[in-house]
Amino acid sequence: METKTSTVTKKPAKKKESKTAAPLKKSVKEKEAKKDLSKTYNEFKEFEGHQYTGMRVGRSHKWNYDQGEWKETKITPDLWEISYAVTKRRAGKAPEGSGVPVGTEYHWYILAHQNVRKLNANDYTTSLTGLKYKLAHKRADKDKWSATAKTQRKRLVKLMQELIAQLEKEPVPLEIEYNGEVYNGDAVPVSQTCHDGVFDELDITLNDQHLGIIKCTKGGWKMDGDHDQKFIDAIGEEIFYWYE
């Protein structure tokens, strides 16, 4: 090994240059990547014959919700009215130049499962999994929504009809043995994710417990929440064999 005294001549200058060159190249690449992200966010894309802008289908956001207020009123033995208000914050930062202008508004309709478990007299664990559907939006520089209330209701009716039609079909049957336990249940396909008769996303229930939506991605089978990946893979394999 060379001593430090031997590096105090001409060689250190070359080493110093090589060390600074890499970060410079990296920073240039990072800036270019950010420009690409902001450009691709706003450009027109196509999904099943329809044009759209915004985040590309298949990508995801992660949000952190502030302490919110959830109110509920019992209407019938099984029906409750709910309201929820909170500020959500992006986990991380949006690429510079991407996203919609400040002041843009959205109207979503959420179809979801809420699973809760009582821990003590005052506390419950709570998880929410499901789908949300955009009924309309209002641009920051406009006074009107993109769809009238009547059109929004029509869109909601169509969504409900599609959901009902899917629920009335026979789901994918599941029978899995994992870690010495047998799981029986089914997977209800999310109709909007169908490609060539195969569904990329399915709603999973095993042993009468709703687990959430499983997704077939390029990186394998994925589910949100605290689930054992090997267990998720076992569910995915069962679905895959059924479609073969």
Protein backbone atom coordinates (compact mmCIF):
# COMPACT_ATOMS: atom_id res chain seq x y z
CA MET A 1 0.00 0.00 0.00
CA GLU A 2 1.30 3.50 -0.87
CA THR A 3 1.98 5.88 1.99
CA LYS A 4 0.24 9.21 2.30
CA THR A 5 3.48 11.01 1.45
CA SER A 6 3.49 9.43 -2.01
CA THR A 7 0.02 10.82 -2.76
CA VAL A 8 0.96 14.46 -2.13
CA THR A 9 2.37 14.96 -5.64
CA LYS A 10 0.66 14.64 -9.01
CA LYS A 11 -1.63 11.67 -8.31
CA PRO A 12 -3.84 13.43 -5.74
CA ALA A 13 -4.88 16.03 -8.32
CA LYS A 14 -6.20 13.29 -10.61
CA LYS A 15 -7.97 11.54 -7.74
CA LYS A 16 -9.55 14.80 -6.65
CA GLU A 17 -10.86 15.41 -10.16
CA SER A 18 -12.28 11.89 -10.45
CA LYS A 19 -14.08 12.26 -7.11
CA THR A 20 -15.78 15.52 -8.07
CA ALA A 21 -16.69 14.45 -11.60
CA ALA A 22 -19.09 11.68 -10.51
CA PRO A 23 -21.28 13.87 -8.25
CA LEU A 24 -21.49 16.51 -10.98
CA LYS A 25 -22.72 13.94 -13.49
CA LYS A 26 -25.14 12.56 -10.91
CA SER A 27 -26.61 16.01 -10.13
CA VAL A 28 -27.13 16.68 -13.85
CA LYS A 29 -28.94 13.35 -14.22
CA GLU A 30 -31.11 14.12 -11.18
CA LYS A 31 -32.10 17.52 -12.63
CA GLU A 32 -32.93 15.93 -15.96
CA ALA A 33 -35.02 13.27 -14.21
CA LYS A 34 -36.97 15.97 -12.33
CA LYS A 35 -37.63 17.83 -15.58
CA ASP A 36 -38.87 14.62 -17.18
CA LEU A 37 -41.21 13.94 -14.24
CA SER A 38 -42.79 17.41 -14.39
CA LYS A 39 -43.12 17.17 -18.18
CA THR A 40 -44.62 13.67 -18.23
CA TYR A 41 -47.12 14.56 -15.47
CA ASN A 42 -48.84 17.18 -17.61
CA GLU A 43 -48.60 15.51 -21.02
CA PHE A 44 -51.51 13.57 -22.54
CA LYS A 45 -51.54 9.81 -21.96
CA GLU A 46 -53.89 7.07 -23.13
CA PHE A 47 -55.70 4.39 -21.15
CA GLU A 48 -58.06 1.96 -22.89
CA GLY A 49 -58.75 4.42 -25.70
CA HIS A 50 -59.27 7.45 -23.45
CA GLN A 51 -56.87 10.37 -23.06
CA TYR A 52 -55.94 11.75 -19.65
CA THR A 53 -53.30 13.86 -17.91
CA GLY A 54 -51.71 13.64 -14.48
CA MET A 55 -49.98 10.74 -12.78
CA ARG A 56 -49.54 7.69 -14.99
CA VAL A 57 -51.82 4.71 -14.32
CA GLY A 58 -50.00 2.19 -12.12
CA ARG A 59 -48.00 4.69 -10.08
CA SER A 60 -48.87 5.48 -6.46
CA HIS A 61 -48.83 8.23 -3.82
CA LYS A 62 -48.11 7.91 -0.12
CA TRP A 63 -49.73 10.42 2.24
CA ASN A 64 -49.53 11.18 5.95
CA TYR A 65 -52.81 12.33 7.53
CA ASP A 66 -52.87 14.88 10.36
CA GLN A 67 -55.02 14.23 13.41
CA GLY A 68 -58.51 14.40 11.91
CA GLU A 69 -62.11 14.41 13.06
CA TRP A 70 -64.35 11.44 12.24
CA LYS A 71 -68.06 11.78 13.09
CA GLU A 72 -70.68 9.06 12.75
CA THR A 73 -74.43 8.84 13.42
CA LYS A 74 -76.39 5.59 13.53
CA ILE A 75 -79.32 5.57 11.09
CA THR A 76 -80.38 1.89 11.19
CA PRO A 77 -78.96 -1.16 13.02
CA ASP A 78 -76.44 -1.61 10.17
CA LEU A 79 -76.22 1.84 8.54
CA TRP A 80 -74.25 4.84 9.74
CA GLU A 81 -73.77 8.35 8.38
CA ILE A 82 -70.11 9.42 8.49
CA SER A 83 -68.09 12.60 7.97
CA TYR A 84 -64.31 13.03 8.09
CA ALA A 85 -62.17 16.16 7.80
CA VAL A 86 -58.36 16.31 7.90
CA THR A 87 -55.30 17.71 6.13
CA LYS A 88 -53.22 15.14 4.27
CA ARG A 89 -49.51 15.68 3.60
CA ARG A 90 -47.35 14.04 0.96
CA ALA A 91 -44.74 11.61 2.27
CA GLY A 92 -41.77 13.18 0.50
CA LYS A 93 -41.91 16.03 -2.00
CA ALA A 94 -43.60 16.42 -5.37
CA PRO A 95 -41.25 16.82 -8.37
CA GLU A 96 -40.76 20.51 -9.16
CA GLY A 97 -43.25 21.68 -11.77
CA SER A 98 -45.51 18.64 -11.46
CA GLY A 99 -49.03 18.41 -10.17
CA VAL A 100 -52.02 20.71 -10.52
CA PRO A 101 -52.05 24.40 -9.49
CA VAL A 102 -52.83 25.35 -5.90
CA GLY A 103 -56.59 25.81 -5.50
CA THR A 104 -57.60 22.87 -7.70
CA GLU A 105 -60.47 20.84 -6.20
CA TYR A 106 -61.66 17.25 -6.64
CA HIS A 107 -64.85 15.35 -5.88
CA TRP A 108 -64.17 11.67 -5.21
CA TYR A 109 -66.53 8.87 -4.25
CA ILE A 110 -65.00 6.24 -1.98
CA LEU A 111 -66.02 2.57 -1.87
CA ALA A 112 -64.12 0.92 0.94
CA HIS A 113 -63.94 -1.67 3.71
CA GLN A 114 -63.26 -0.38 7.21
CA ASN A 115 -61.95 -3.07 9.56
CA VAL A 116 -61.77 -2.24 13.27
CA ARG A 117 -60.84 -4.15 16.43
CA LYS A 118 -61.52 -2.97 19.95
CA LEU A 119 -58.40 -2.68 22.10
CA ASN A 120 -59.89 -1.20 25.26
CA ALA A 121 -62.83 0.94 26.38
CA ASN A 122 -61.67 3.92 24.31
CA ASP A 123 -59.38 2.67 21.53
CA TYR A 124 -59.83 0.70 18.30
CA THR A 125 -57.43 -0.31 15.57
CA THR A 126 -58.74 0.95 12.21
CA SER A 127 -57.80 0.13 8.62
CA LEU A 128 -59.47 1.28 5.40
CA THR A 129 -59.00 -0.43 2.03
CA GLY A 130 -60.96 0.09 -1.15
CA LEU A 131 -61.39 2.26 -4.22
CA LYS A 132 -62.00 5.92 -4.93
CA TYR A 133 -63.56 7.21 -8.13
CA LYS A 134 -63.25 10.75 -9.50
CA LEU A 135 -66.69 12.24 -10.20
CA ALA A 136 -65.47 15.76 -11.08
CA HIS A 137 -62.76 18.38 -10.62
CA LYS A 138 -62.57 22.16 -10.58
CA ARG A 139 -59.51 23.94 -11.97
CA ALA A 140 -57.87 26.64 -9.88
CA ASP A 141 -58.65 29.34 -12.46
CA LYS A 142 -62.27 28.26 -13.07
CA ASP A 143 -65.52 28.85 -11.19
CA LYS A 144 -67.32 25.75 -12.49
CA TRP A 145 -66.80 22.04 -11.95
CA SER A 146 -65.88 19.78 -14.87
CA ALA A 147 -69.26 18.03 -14.59
CA THR A 148 -72.68 19.14 -13.40
CA ALA A 149 -74.29 17.53 -10.35
CA LYS A 150 -76.60 15.59 -12.69
CA THR A 151 -73.65 14.22 -14.72
CA GLN A 152 -71.81 13.32 -11.52
CA ARG A 153 -74.83 11.28 -10.37
CA LYS A 154 -74.90 9.49 -13.74
CA ARG A 155 -71.23 8.61 -13.36
CA LEU A 156 -71.85 7.34 -9.84
CA VAL A 157 -74.80 5.21 -11.01
CA LYS A 158 -72.62 3.71 -13.75
CA LEU A 159 -69.88 2.94 -11.22
CA MET A 160 -72.36 1.26 -8.87
CA GLN A 161 -73.85 -0.78 -11.73
CA GLU A 162 -70.39 -2.01 -12.74
CA LEU A 163 -69.62 -2.91 -9.13
CA ILE A 164 -72.92 -4.76 -8.68
CA ALA A 165 -72.41 -6.66 -11.95
CA GLN A 166 -68.95 -7.73 -10.80
CA LEU A 167 -70.16 -8.77 -7.33
CA GLU A 168 -72.91 -10.89 -8.88
CA LYS A 169 -70.39 -12.89 -10.90
CA GLU A 170 -68.67 -15.93 -9.42
CA PRO A 171 -65.46 -14.79 -7.69
CA VAL A 172 -62.11 -16.55 -7.92
CA PRO A 173 -62.22 -19.35 -5.28
CA LEU A 174 -59.28 -19.54 -2.90
CA GLU A 175 -58.06 -22.45 -0.79
CA ILE A 176 -54.62 -21.97 0.70
CA GLU A 177 -52.61 -23.81 3.33
CA TYR A 178 -49.97 -21.60 4.89
CA ASN A 179 -47.91 -22.15 8.05
CA GLY A 180 -50.09 -25.10 9.02
CA GLU A 181 -53.38 -23.19 8.73
CA VAL A 182 -56.01 -23.62 6.01
CA TYR A 183 -57.56 -20.49 4.48
CA ASN A 184 -60.76 -20.56 2.41
CA GLY A 185 -62.29 -17.57 0.70
CA ASP A 186 -62.49 -15.75 -2.60
CA ALA A 187 -61.04 -12.97 -4.71
CA VAL A 188 -63.45 -10.49 -6.29
CA PRO A 189 -61.92 -8.92 -9.43
CA VAL A 190 -61.81 -5.14 -9.78
CA SER A 191 -63.57 -4.84 -13.14
CA GLN A 192 -61.64 -1.76 -14.33
CA THR A 193 -58.34 -3.69 -14.18
CA CYS A 194 -59.29 -6.39 -16.71
CA HIS A 195 -56.88 -7.12 -19.58
CA ASP A 196 -57.53 -9.98 -22.01
CA GLY A 197 -59.85 -11.68 -19.52
CA VAL A 198 -57.34 -11.47 -16.66
CA PHE A 199 -57.64 -9.03 -13.75
CA ASP A 200 -54.62 -7.21 -12.30
CA GLU A 201 -56.35 -6.36 -9.00
CA LEU A 202 -58.69 -8.44 -6.84
CA ASP A 203 -60.40 -7.87 -3.49
CA ILE A 204 -59.40 -10.65 -1.06
CA THR A 205 -61.47 -12.27 1.70
CA LEU A 206 -60.16 -15.31 3.59
CA ASN A 207 -61.86 -17.17 6.45
CA ASP A 208 -64.61 -14.51 6.35
CA GLN A 209 -62.10 -11.71 7.02
CA HIS A 210 -61.50 -8.98 4.46
CA LEU A 211 -57.75 -8.49 3.84
CA GLY A 212 -57.64 -5.85 1.10
CA ILE A 213 -56.81 -5.61 -2.59
CA ILE A 214 -54.02 -7.70 -4.10
CA LYS A 215 -52.22 -6.28 -7.14
CA CYS A 216 -50.25 -8.03 -9.86
CA THR A 217 -47.26 -5.79 -10.67
CA LYS A 218 -44.05 -6.12 -12.64
CA GLY A 219 -42.31 -6.71 -9.31
CA GLY A 220 -44.72 -9.48 -8.24
CA TRP A 221 -47.86 -9.63 -6.09
CA LYS A 222 -48.37 -6.69 -3.70
CA MET A 223 -50.85 -5.76 -0.96
CA ASP A 224 -51.00 -2.66 1.22
CA GLY A 225 -50.91 -3.16 4.96
CA ASP A 226 -48.96 -5.37 7.31
CA HIS A 227 -49.04 -8.71 5.48
CA ASP A 228 -46.42 -11.45 5.23
CA GLN A 229 -45.02 -11.29 1.67
CA LYS A 230 -44.84 -15.09 1.44
CA PHE A 231 -48.52 -15.24 2.35
CA ILE A 232 -49.28 -12.64 -0.36
CA ASP A 233 -47.31 -14.71 -2.88
CA ALA A 234 -49.31 -17.82 -1.91
CA ILE A 235 -52.57 -15.96 -2.58
CA GLY A 236 -51.21 -14.68 -5.89
CA GLU A 237 -50.15 -18.16 -7.00
CA GLU A 238 -53.63 -19.51 -6.28
CA ILE A 239 -55.15 -16.73 -8.42
CA PHE A 240 -52.60 -17.36 -11.18
CA TYR A 241 -53.38 -21.09 -11.30
CA TRP A 242 -57.11 -20.37 -11.49
CA TYR A 243 -56.64 -18.18 -14.58
CA GLU A 244 -54.40 -20.72 -16.35
